[in-house]
Amino acid sequence: MAHFAKLDDNNLVLEVAFIPNEDLDNAEYPKSEALGITKLTNDTGYSKWKQTSQSSSFRGHFAQQNYTYDTTNDIFIPIKPFKSWIYNSDSKAWKPPTNYPSDNNVYVWNETNYQDDNTKGWEKVSV
């Protein structure tokens, strides 16, 4: 099964479609991408598609609705969890602007606290 992300003009993923491997001559990526885009364009009339990998073996993450396709790094980027977080293309993950506390307690991110005082953000959870 090959999966393809339908992109809007801003490279936002609108949906993910799949095509049986047999319909792509059992080709592997990257050859399967060109075959899939041609098939999807012929079938739907829409031409802006990128292949995505369920195992994340290429393009960073398996695309999902509202992910973004980064044309510079050729990866799909998940939805930003908080306004202040920064995407790290090396680790392929969103990172908070401050490090997680290392005192063996459990914390959750509180964006409001961070916006009020950018030295805060992690809020201790009572367990």
C-alpha atoms as a PDB file:
ATOM      1  CA  MET A   1       0.000   0.000   0.000  1.00  0.00           C
ATOM      2  CA  ALA A   2       1.427   3.373  -1.011  1.00  0.00           C
ATOM      3  CA  HIS A   3       0.205   6.527   0.728  1.00  0.00           C
ATOM      4  CA  PHE A   4       0.036  10.016  -0.740  1.00  0.00           C
ATOM      5  CA  ALA A   5      -0.595  13.362   0.931  1.00  0.00           C
ATOM      6  CA  LYS A   6      -2.824  15.823  -0.893  1.00  0.00           C
ATOM      7  CA  LEU A   7      -1.348  19.305  -0.398  1.00  0.00           C
ATOM      8  CA  ASP A   8      -2.921  22.735  -0.662  1.00  0.00           C
ATOM      9  CA  ASP A   9      -1.107  25.768  -2.100  1.00  0.00           C
ATOM     10  CA  ASN A  10       0.592  26.388   1.286  1.00  0.00           C
ATOM     11  CA  ASN A  11       1.769  22.748   1.534  1.00  0.00           C
ATOM     12  CA  LEU A  12      -0.735  21.905   4.249  1.00  0.00           C
ATOM     13  CA  VAL A  13      -1.870  18.266   4.129  1.00  0.00           C
ATOM     14  CA  LEU A  14      -5.563  18.128   3.263  1.00  0.00           C
ATOM     15  CA  GLU A  15      -5.923  14.351   3.316  1.00  0.00           C
ATOM     16  CA  VAL A  16      -3.983  11.129   2.822  1.00  0.00           C
ATOM     17  CA  ALA A  17      -4.958   8.706   0.060  1.00  0.00           C
ATOM     18  CA  PHE A  18      -3.678   5.210  -0.597  1.00  0.00           C
ATOM     19  CA  ILE A  19      -3.045   3.209  -3.725  1.00  0.00           C
ATOM     20  CA  PRO A  20      -2.561  -0.566  -3.821  1.00  0.00           C
ATOM     21  CA  ASN A  21       1.000  -1.516  -4.751  1.00  0.00           C
ATOM     22  CA  GLU A  22      -0.274  -3.519  -7.731  1.00  0.00           C
ATOM     23  CA  ASP A  23      -1.630  -0.284  -9.245  1.00  0.00           C
ATOM     24  CA  LEU A  24       1.926   1.101  -9.113  1.00  0.00           C
ATOM     25  CA  ASP A  25       3.567  -1.956 -10.713  1.00  0.00           C
ATOM     26  CA  ASN A  26       4.834  -2.875  -7.212  1.00  0.00           C
ATOM     27  CA  ALA A  27       7.438  -0.126  -7.632  1.00  0.00           C
ATOM     28  CA  GLU A  28       9.351   1.146  -4.618  1.00  0.00           C
ATOM     29  CA  TYR A  29       9.843   4.780  -3.629  1.00  0.00           C
ATOM     30  CA  PRO A  30      10.920   7.029  -5.383  1.00  0.00           C
ATOM     31  CA  LYS A  31       9.668   5.441  -8.631  1.00  0.00           C
ATOM     32  CA  SER A  32       6.295   4.748  -6.996  1.00  0.00           C
ATOM     33  CA  GLU A  33       5.830   8.458  -6.280  1.00  0.00           C
ATOM     34  CA  ALA A  34       5.769   9.502  -9.929  1.00  0.00           C
ATOM     35  CA  LEU A  35       3.416   6.635 -10.803  1.00  0.00           C
ATOM     36  CA  GLY A  36       1.136   7.462  -7.868  1.00  0.00           C
ATOM     37  CA  ILE A  37       0.965  11.163  -8.624  1.00  0.00           C
ATOM     38  CA  THR A  38       0.066  10.407 -12.232  1.00  0.00           C
ATOM     39  CA  LYS A  39      -2.658   7.962 -11.138  1.00  0.00           C
ATOM     40  CA  LEU A  40      -4.104  10.318  -8.511  1.00  0.00           C
ATOM     41  CA  THR A  41      -4.044  13.264 -10.915  1.00  0.00           C
ATOM     42  CA  ASN A  42      -5.863  11.207 -13.558  1.00  0.00           C
ATOM     43  CA  ASP A  43      -8.377   9.848 -11.032  1.00  0.00           C
ATOM     44  CA  THR A  44      -9.087  13.067  -9.106  1.00  0.00           C
ATOM     45  CA  GLY A  45      -8.080  15.943 -11.377  1.00  0.00           C
ATOM     46  CA  TYR A  46      -5.905  17.256  -8.527  1.00  0.00           C
ATOM     47  CA  SER A  47      -2.138  17.256  -9.062  1.00  0.00           C
ATOM     48  CA  LYS A  48      -0.405  18.371  -5.854  1.00  0.00           C
ATOM     49  CA  TRP A  49       0.529  15.113  -4.094  1.00  0.00           C
ATOM     50  CA  LYS A  50       3.596  13.820  -2.216  1.00  0.00           C
ATOM     51  CA  GLN A  51       4.213  10.238  -1.211  1.00  0.00           C
ATOM     52  CA  THR A  52       4.478   9.570   2.506  1.00  0.00           C
ATOM     53  CA  SER A  53       5.819   6.571   4.369  1.00  0.00           C
ATOM     54  CA  GLN A  54       3.818   4.739   7.026  1.00  0.00           C
ATOM     55  CA  SER A  55       7.118   3.547   8.538  1.00  0.00           C
ATOM     56  CA  SER A  56       8.591   7.086   8.284  1.00  0.00           C
ATOM     57  CA  SER A  57      11.464   5.658   6.226  1.00  0.00           C
ATOM     58  CA  PHE A  58      11.406   8.832   4.135  1.00  0.00           C
ATOM     59  CA  ARG A  59      10.092  12.378   4.606  1.00  0.00           C
ATOM     60  CA  GLY A  60      10.350  12.368   8.390  1.00  0.00           C
ATOM     61  CA  HIS A  61       6.840  11.533   9.522  1.00  0.00           C
ATOM     62  CA  PHE A  62       3.864   9.737   8.063  1.00  0.00           C
ATOM     63  CA  ALA A  63       1.715  12.606   6.798  1.00  0.00           C
ATOM     64  CA  GLN A  64      -1.614  13.286   8.441  1.00  0.00           C
ATOM     65  CA  GLN A  65      -4.283  15.909   7.903  1.00  0.00           C
ATOM     66  CA  ASN A  66      -3.051  19.401   8.889  1.00  0.00           C
ATOM     67  CA  TYR A  67       0.631  18.408   8.843  1.00  0.00           C
ATOM     68  CA  THR A  68       2.845  20.649   6.718  1.00  0.00           C
ATOM     69  CA  TYR A  69       5.154  19.581   3.926  1.00  0.00           C
ATOM     70  CA  ASP A  70       8.516  21.371   4.209  1.00  0.00           C
ATOM     71  CA  THR A  71       9.836  21.695   0.661  1.00  0.00           C
ATOM     72  CA  THR A  72      13.315  22.765   1.792  1.00  0.00           C
ATOM     73  CA  ASN A  73      13.956  19.697   3.941  1.00  0.00           C
ATOM     74  CA  ASP A  74      11.606  17.339   2.042  1.00  0.00           C
ATOM     75  CA  ILE A  75       9.785  16.266   5.213  1.00  0.00           C
ATOM     76  CA  PHE A  76       6.308  16.313   6.711  1.00  0.00           C
ATOM     77  CA  ILE A  77       6.071  18.306   9.921  1.00  0.00           C
ATOM     78  CA  PRO A  78       3.458  17.447  12.571  1.00  0.00           C
ATOM     79  CA  ILE A  79       1.039  20.018  13.942  1.00  0.00           C
ATOM     80  CA  LYS A  80       2.742  22.518  16.229  1.00  0.00           C
ATOM     81  CA  PRO A  81       1.665  21.637  19.785  1.00  0.00           C
ATOM     82  CA  PHE A  82       2.193  25.098  21.300  1.00  0.00           C
ATOM     83  CA  LYS A  83       2.843  28.587  19.945  1.00  0.00           C
ATOM     84  CA  SER A  84       6.274  28.834  21.590  1.00  0.00           C
ATOM     85  CA  TRP A  85       7.657  25.450  20.523  1.00  0.00           C
ATOM     86  CA  ILE A  86      10.321  25.208  17.816  1.00  0.00           C
ATOM     87  CA  TYR A  87      10.704  22.471  15.212  1.00  0.00           C
ATOM     88  CA  ASN A  88      14.087  20.742  15.262  1.00  0.00           C
ATOM     89  CA  SER A  89      14.698  19.261  11.818  1.00  0.00           C
ATOM     90  CA  ASP A  90      17.598  17.130  13.089  1.00  0.00           C
ATOM     91  CA  SER A  91      15.491  15.267  15.660  1.00  0.00           C
ATOM     92  CA  LYS A  92      12.306  15.709  13.585  1.00  0.00           C
ATOM     93  CA  ALA A  93      10.390  16.840  16.651  1.00  0.00           C
ATOM     94  CA  TRP A  94       8.854  19.937  18.199  1.00  0.00           C
ATOM     95  CA  LYS A  95      10.886  21.163  21.167  1.00  0.00           C
ATOM     96  CA  PRO A  96       9.834  23.441  24.029  1.00  0.00           C
ATOM     97  CA  PRO A  97      11.760  26.683  24.484  1.00  0.00           C
ATOM     98  CA  THR A  98      12.928  25.527  27.937  1.00  0.00           C
ATOM     99  CA  ASN A  99      14.271  22.138  28.989  1.00  0.00           C
ATOM    100  CA  TYR A 100      12.121  19.632  30.804  1.00  0.00           C
ATOM    101  CA  PRO A 101      12.983  19.707  34.540  1.00  0.00           C
ATOM    102  CA  SER A 102      15.309  16.929  35.678  1.00  0.00           C
ATOM    103  CA  ASP A 103      14.100  16.474  39.248  1.00  0.00           C
ATOM    104  CA  ASN A 104      12.177  13.191  38.699  1.00  0.00           C
ATOM    105  CA  ASN A 105       8.769  14.873  39.017  1.00  0.00           C
ATOM    106  CA  VAL A 106       6.116  14.837  36.295  1.00  0.00           C
ATOM    107  CA  TYR A 107       5.421  18.054  34.378  1.00  0.00           C
ATOM    108  CA  VAL A 108       3.106  19.284  31.643  1.00  0.00           C
ATOM    109  CA  TRP A 109       3.633  22.291  29.417  1.00  0.00           C
ATOM    110  CA  ASN A 110       1.597  25.401  30.264  1.00  0.00           C
ATOM    111  CA  GLU A 111       1.752  27.848  27.363  1.00  0.00           C
ATOM    112  CA  THR A 112      -0.048  30.601  29.301  1.00  0.00           C
ATOM    113  CA  ASN A 113       2.593  30.513  32.049  1.00  0.00           C
ATOM    114  CA  TYR A 114       5.348  30.649  29.442  1.00  0.00           C
ATOM    115  CA  GLN A 115       3.756  33.614  27.657  1.00  0.00           C
ATOM    116  CA  ASP A 116       3.453  35.453  30.988  1.00  0.00           C
ATOM    117  CA  ASP A 117       7.058  34.700  31.990  1.00  0.00           C
ATOM    118  CA  ASN A 118       9.366  33.004  29.496  1.00  0.00           C
ATOM    119  CA  THR A 119      11.400  31.436  32.304  1.00  0.00           C
ATOM    120  CA  LYS A 120       8.363  29.347  33.232  1.00  0.00           C
ATOM    121  CA  GLY A 121       6.293  26.901  31.254  1.00  0.00           C
ATOM    122  CA  TRP A 122       6.669  23.517  32.874  1.00  0.00           C
ATOM    123  CA  GLU A 123       4.005  22.932  35.483  1.00  0.00           C
ATOM    124  CA  LYS A 124       4.413  20.188  38.087  1.00  0.00           C
ATOM    125  CA  VAL A 125       1.664  17.561  38.107  1.00  0.00           C
ATOM    126  CA  SER A 126       0.475  16.129  41.387  1.00  0.00           C
ATOM    127  CA  VAL A 127       0.492  12.346  41.218  1.00  0.00           C
END
